[in-house]
Amino acid sequence: MAEVATQAVVYRARAGRGAGNSDALVLLCSDGDFQAAFQEFLSLHLKLERWDAITVPGGAYMLSFADVLPKQLKVGMRMLKAVMKDRGPSRIVLIGHDGCSRYLEAFATHLTRFGFSLADKQRRDLRSVCEDLQQTFRQARVEAYFASLGTDGAVEFERL
């Protein structure tokens, strides 16, 4: 009778599983070009040791258009409420970034309109979502940041 080979462990992490509540719930865009800068910002500038992340294209975009995309809002709020209930963070951090492909796709027809600024639209949406979440999650401090490339190519974070 032939023996069945057992699958070997592919990688064994040095870090174990953490325990307890996180410092924050972070809602951010999934754009891979910004992930290293986001991680650095969260840990070094905001001094977060542990955070729960909801990472989706456009980040807070999914909570911005309740009238047009109510199902998207419903799904997004369910995710946030689940993390807030289960993990109990005292802080919610929203991060958006310049050149977001989700926003570029959604507002492609607006880009040629006189006076329209995609980055300004994103900032307004982040501020609006920040205010809405502060009303919904009164026990948490909600803050929003917008990341953009500086003249030297470094990612800079603006608090909104």
C-alpha atoms as a PDB file:
ATOM      1  CA  MET A   1       0.000   0.000   0.000  1.00  0.00           C
ATOM      2  CA  ALA A   2       1.424   3.384  -0.992  1.00  0.00           C
ATOM      3  CA  GLU A   3       1.876   5.989   1.687  1.00  0.00           C
ATOM      4  CA  VAL A   4       0.106   9.293   1.302  1.00  0.00           C
ATOM      5  CA  ALA A   5       2.575  12.159   1.419  1.00  0.00           C
ATOM      6  CA  THR A   6       1.789  14.822   3.965  1.00  0.00           C
ATOM      7  CA  GLN A   7       2.008  18.422   2.883  1.00  0.00           C
ATOM      8  CA  ALA A   8       4.958  20.110   4.563  1.00  0.00           C
ATOM      9  CA  VAL A   9       4.683  23.535   6.110  1.00  0.00           C
ATOM     10  CA  VAL A  10       5.683  26.060   3.439  1.00  0.00           C
ATOM     11  CA  TYR A  11       6.616  28.890   5.781  1.00  0.00           C
ATOM     12  CA  ARG A  12       6.685  29.222   9.540  1.00  0.00           C
ATOM     13  CA  ALA A  13       6.322  32.808  10.748  1.00  0.00           C
ATOM     14  CA  ARG A  14       8.566  34.164  13.477  1.00  0.00           C
ATOM     15  CA  ALA A  15       5.736  36.320  14.745  1.00  0.00           C
ATOM     16  CA  GLY A  16       3.025  34.620  16.693  1.00  0.00           C
ATOM     17  CA  ARG A  17      -0.611  35.517  16.822  1.00  0.00           C
ATOM     18  CA  GLY A  18      -1.291  38.634  18.841  1.00  0.00           C
ATOM     19  CA  ALA A  19      -3.910  38.755  21.532  1.00  0.00           C
ATOM     20  CA  GLY A  20      -6.303  41.427  22.678  1.00  0.00           C
ATOM     21  CA  ASN A  21      -7.688  44.566  21.166  1.00  0.00           C
ATOM     22  CA  SER A  22      -5.990  46.552  18.451  1.00  0.00           C
ATOM     23  CA  ASP A  23      -4.981  50.205  18.698  1.00  0.00           C
ATOM     24  CA  ALA A  24      -7.013  51.176  15.641  1.00  0.00           C
ATOM     25  CA  LEU A  25      -9.163  50.137  12.746  1.00  0.00           C
ATOM     26  CA  VAL A  26      -7.542  51.358   9.532  1.00  0.00           C
ATOM     27  CA  LEU A  27      -9.542  51.742   6.316  1.00  0.00           C
ATOM     28  CA  LEU A  28      -7.208  52.226   3.377  1.00  0.00           C
ATOM     29  CA  CYS A  29      -6.797  51.712  -0.340  1.00  0.00           C
ATOM     30  CA  SER A  30      -5.364  48.429  -1.564  1.00  0.00           C
ATOM     31  CA  ASP A  31      -2.970  50.039  -4.071  1.00  0.00           C
ATOM     32  CA  GLY A  32       0.253  48.047  -3.706  1.00  0.00           C
ATOM     33  CA  ASP A  33       2.425  51.032  -4.629  1.00  0.00           C
ATOM     34  CA  PHE A  34       1.499  52.743  -1.358  1.00  0.00           C
ATOM     35  CA  GLN A  35       1.450  49.828   1.103  1.00  0.00           C
ATOM     36  CA  ALA A  36       5.022  50.225   2.393  1.00  0.00           C
ATOM     37  CA  ALA A  37       4.467  53.964   2.982  1.00  0.00           C
ATOM     38  CA  PHE A  38       1.124  53.262   4.693  1.00  0.00           C
ATOM     39  CA  GLN A  39       2.739  50.713   7.015  1.00  0.00           C
ATOM     40  CA  GLU A  40       5.569  53.102   7.873  1.00  0.00           C
ATOM     41  CA  PHE A  41       3.153  55.977   8.499  1.00  0.00           C
ATOM     42  CA  LEU A  42       0.938  53.893  10.771  1.00  0.00           C
ATOM     43  CA  SER A  43       3.742  52.445  12.854  1.00  0.00           C
ATOM     44  CA  LEU A  44       6.296  55.264  12.954  1.00  0.00           C
ATOM     45  CA  HIS A  45       4.224  58.437  12.721  1.00  0.00           C
ATOM     46  CA  LEU A  46       0.930  57.400  14.326  1.00  0.00           C
ATOM     47  CA  LYS A  47       2.770  55.063  16.722  1.00  0.00           C
ATOM     48  CA  LEU A  48       0.277  52.240  16.235  1.00  0.00           C
ATOM     49  CA  GLU A  49       1.575  48.894  17.430  1.00  0.00           C
ATOM     50  CA  ARG A  50      -1.391  46.805  16.306  1.00  0.00           C
ATOM     51  CA  TRP A  51      -4.197  47.631  13.961  1.00  0.00           C
ATOM     52  CA  ASP A  52      -6.972  45.873  12.137  1.00  0.00           C
ATOM     53  CA  ALA A  53      -7.124  46.802   8.473  1.00  0.00           C
ATOM     54  CA  ILE A  54      -9.896  46.903   5.929  1.00  0.00           C
ATOM     55  CA  THR A  55      -8.042  47.244   2.654  1.00  0.00           C
ATOM     56  CA  VAL A  56     -10.147  47.730  -0.470  1.00  0.00           C
ATOM     57  CA  PRO A  57      -9.758  49.660  -3.739  1.00  0.00           C
ATOM     58  CA  GLY A  58     -10.432  53.296  -2.946  1.00  0.00           C
ATOM     59  CA  GLY A  59     -10.481  52.775   0.821  1.00  0.00           C
ATOM     60  CA  ALA A  60     -13.189  55.100   2.191  1.00  0.00           C
ATOM     61  CA  TYR A  61     -14.678  55.340  -1.321  1.00  0.00           C
ATOM     62  CA  MET A  62     -16.989  52.464  -0.407  1.00  0.00           C
ATOM     63  CA  LEU A  63     -18.608  54.630   2.293  1.00  0.00           C
ATOM     64  CA  SER A  64     -18.820  57.818   0.234  1.00  0.00           C
ATOM     65  CA  PHE A  65     -21.737  57.356  -2.121  1.00  0.00           C
ATOM     66  CA  ALA A  66     -24.740  56.208  -0.096  1.00  0.00           C
ATOM     67  CA  ASP A  67     -27.267  57.634  -2.567  1.00  0.00           C
ATOM     68  CA  VAL A  68     -25.677  56.082  -5.644  1.00  0.00           C
ATOM     69  CA  LEU A  69     -24.215  52.882  -4.198  1.00  0.00           C
ATOM     70  CA  PRO A  70     -26.308  51.937  -1.133  1.00  0.00           C
ATOM     71  CA  LYS A  71     -25.333  48.248  -1.221  1.00  0.00           C
ATOM     72  CA  GLN A  72     -21.651  49.166  -1.217  1.00  0.00           C
ATOM     73  CA  LEU A  73     -22.239  51.385   1.825  1.00  0.00           C
ATOM     74  CA  LYS A  74     -24.151  48.608   3.579  1.00  0.00           C
ATOM     75  CA  VAL A  75     -21.351  46.080   3.034  1.00  0.00           C
ATOM     76  CA  GLY A  76     -18.703  48.587   4.108  1.00  0.00           C
ATOM     77  CA  MET A  77     -20.536  49.512   7.297  1.00  0.00           C
ATOM     78  CA  ARG A  78     -21.055  45.849   8.143  1.00  0.00           C
ATOM     79  CA  MET A  79     -17.302  45.303   7.913  1.00  0.00           C
ATOM     80  CA  LEU A  80     -16.533  48.295  10.112  1.00  0.00           C
ATOM     81  CA  LYS A  81     -19.177  47.406  12.688  1.00  0.00           C
ATOM     82  CA  ALA A  82     -17.917  43.822  12.903  1.00  0.00           C
ATOM     83  CA  VAL A  83     -14.347  44.933  13.573  1.00  0.00           C
ATOM     84  CA  MET A  84     -15.416  47.620  16.031  1.00  0.00           C
ATOM     85  CA  LYS A  85     -17.587  45.153  17.954  1.00  0.00           C
ATOM     86  CA  ASP A  86     -15.103  42.289  17.901  1.00  0.00           C
ATOM     87  CA  ARG A  87     -11.803  44.115  18.344  1.00  0.00           C
ATOM     88  CA  GLY A  88     -12.818  47.290  20.189  1.00  0.00           C
ATOM     89  CA  PRO A  89     -10.305  49.808  18.824  1.00  0.00           C
ATOM     90  CA  SER A  90     -10.532  53.339  20.203  1.00  0.00           C
ATOM     91  CA  ARG A  91      -9.403  54.900  16.949  1.00  0.00           C
ATOM     92  CA  ILE A  92     -10.414  54.741  13.272  1.00  0.00           C
ATOM     93  CA  VAL A  93      -7.884  55.891  10.671  1.00  0.00           C
ATOM     94  CA  LEU A  94      -8.878  56.567   7.057  1.00  0.00           C
ATOM     95  CA  ILE A  95      -6.177  56.866   4.406  1.00  0.00           C
ATOM     96  CA  GLY A  96      -6.658  57.865   0.789  1.00  0.00           C
ATOM     97  CA  HIS A  97      -4.029  58.665  -1.817  1.00  0.00           C
ATOM     98  CA  ASP A  98      -3.435  60.741  -4.905  1.00  0.00           C
ATOM     99  CA  GLY A  99      -3.892  58.944  -8.213  1.00  0.00           C
ATOM    100  CA  CYS A 100      -6.203  56.268  -6.775  1.00  0.00           C
ATOM    101  CA  SER A 101      -7.313  54.013  -9.634  1.00  0.00           C
ATOM    102  CA  ARG A 102     -10.754  53.455  -8.063  1.00  0.00           C
ATOM    103  CA  TYR A 103     -11.388  57.197  -8.089  1.00  0.00           C
ATOM    104  CA  LEU A 104      -9.853  57.576 -11.556  1.00  0.00           C
ATOM    105  CA  GLU A 105     -12.266  54.968 -12.887  1.00  0.00           C
ATOM    106  CA  ALA A 106     -15.309  56.388 -11.114  1.00  0.00           C
ATOM    107  CA  PHE A 107     -14.666  59.986 -12.147  1.00  0.00           C
ATOM    108  CA  ALA A 108     -13.027  59.522 -15.563  1.00  0.00           C
ATOM    109  CA  THR A 109     -15.657  61.672 -17.274  1.00  0.00           C
ATOM    110  CA  HIS A 110     -15.105  64.493 -14.775  1.00  0.00           C
ATOM    111  CA  LEU A 111     -11.347  64.756 -15.286  1.00  0.00           C
ATOM    112  CA  THR A 112     -11.637  67.106 -18.264  1.00  0.00           C
ATOM    113  CA  ARG A 113     -14.189  69.379 -16.604  1.00  0.00           C
ATOM    114  CA  PHE A 114     -12.933  72.841 -15.831  1.00  0.00           C
ATOM    115  CA  GLY A 115     -12.151  73.240 -12.138  1.00  0.00           C
ATOM    116  CA  PHE A 116     -12.534  69.563 -11.243  1.00  0.00           C
ATOM    117  CA  SER A 117      -9.761  68.178  -9.083  1.00  0.00           C
ATOM    118  CA  LEU A 118      -9.781  64.479  -8.314  1.00  0.00           C
ATOM    119  CA  ALA A 119      -7.525  64.960  -5.284  1.00  0.00           C
ATOM    120  CA  ASP A 120      -9.890  67.625  -3.915  1.00  0.00           C
ATOM    121  CA  LYS A 121     -12.842  65.276  -4.463  1.00  0.00           C
ATOM    122  CA  GLN A 122     -11.028  62.539  -2.550  1.00  0.00           C
ATOM    123  CA  ARG A 123     -10.228  64.921   0.311  1.00  0.00           C
ATOM    124  CA  ARG A 124     -13.880  66.027   0.528  1.00  0.00           C
ATOM    125  CA  ASP A 125     -15.024  62.400   0.565  1.00  0.00           C
ATOM    126  CA  LEU A 126     -12.516  61.481   3.270  1.00  0.00           C
ATOM    127  CA  ARG A 127     -13.658  64.405   5.437  1.00  0.00           C
ATOM    128  CA  SER A 128     -17.314  63.487   4.918  1.00  0.00           C
ATOM    129  CA  VAL A 129     -16.766  59.814   5.749  1.00  0.00           C
ATOM    130  CA  CYS A 130     -14.706  60.855   8.772  1.00  0.00           C
ATOM    131  CA  GLU A 131     -17.617  62.961  10.084  1.00  0.00           C
ATOM    132  CA  ASP A 132     -20.155  60.191   9.400  1.00  0.00           C
ATOM    133  CA  LEU A 133     -18.063  57.570  11.183  1.00  0.00           C
ATOM    134  CA  GLN A 134     -17.523  59.871  14.153  1.00  0.00           C
ATOM    135  CA  GLN A 135     -21.315  60.081  14.521  1.00  0.00           C
ATOM    136  CA  THR A 136     -21.705  56.314  14.181  1.00  0.00           C
ATOM    137  CA  PHE A 137     -18.788  55.285  16.410  1.00  0.00           C
ATOM    138  CA  ARG A 138     -18.858  57.964  19.123  1.00  0.00           C
ATOM    139  CA  GLN A 139     -16.558  55.915  21.372  1.00  0.00           C
ATOM    140  CA  ALA A 140     -13.740  56.097  18.825  1.00  0.00           C
ATOM    141  CA  ARG A 141     -11.599  58.955  17.563  1.00  0.00           C
ATOM    142  CA  VAL A 142     -11.854  59.120  13.762  1.00  0.00           C
ATOM    143  CA  GLU A 143      -9.162  60.764  11.672  1.00  0.00           C
ATOM    144  CA  ALA A 144      -8.429  60.991   7.959  1.00  0.00           C
ATOM    145  CA  TYR A 145      -5.212  61.391   5.967  1.00  0.00           C
ATOM    146  CA  PHE A 146      -4.424  61.945   2.318  1.00  0.00           C
ATOM    147  CA  ALA A 147      -1.163  60.634   0.854  1.00  0.00           C
ATOM    148  CA  SER A 148       0.526  62.182  -2.150  1.00  0.00           C
ATOM    149  CA  LEU A 149       3.945  62.179  -3.745  1.00  0.00           C
ATOM    150  CA  GLY A 150       6.254  65.008  -2.774  1.00  0.00           C
ATOM    151  CA  THR A 151       8.571  66.678  -5.272  1.00  0.00           C
ATOM    152  CA  ASP A 152      11.330  64.245  -4.284  1.00  0.00           C
ATOM    153  CA  GLY A 153       9.102  61.202  -4.819  1.00  0.00           C
ATOM    154  CA  ALA A 154       8.562  60.513  -1.107  1.00  0.00           C
ATOM    155  CA  VAL A 155       5.008  59.838   0.068  1.00  0.00           C
ATOM    156  CA  GLU A 156       3.687  62.688   2.221  1.00  0.00           C
ATOM    157  CA  PHE A 157       0.659  62.425   4.496  1.00  0.00           C
ATOM    158  CA  GLU A 158      -1.696  65.353   5.074  1.00  0.00           C
ATOM    159  CA  ARG A 159      -4.089  65.252   8.005  1.00  0.00           C
ATOM    160  CA  LEU A 160      -7.570  66.330   6.943  1.00  0.00           C
END
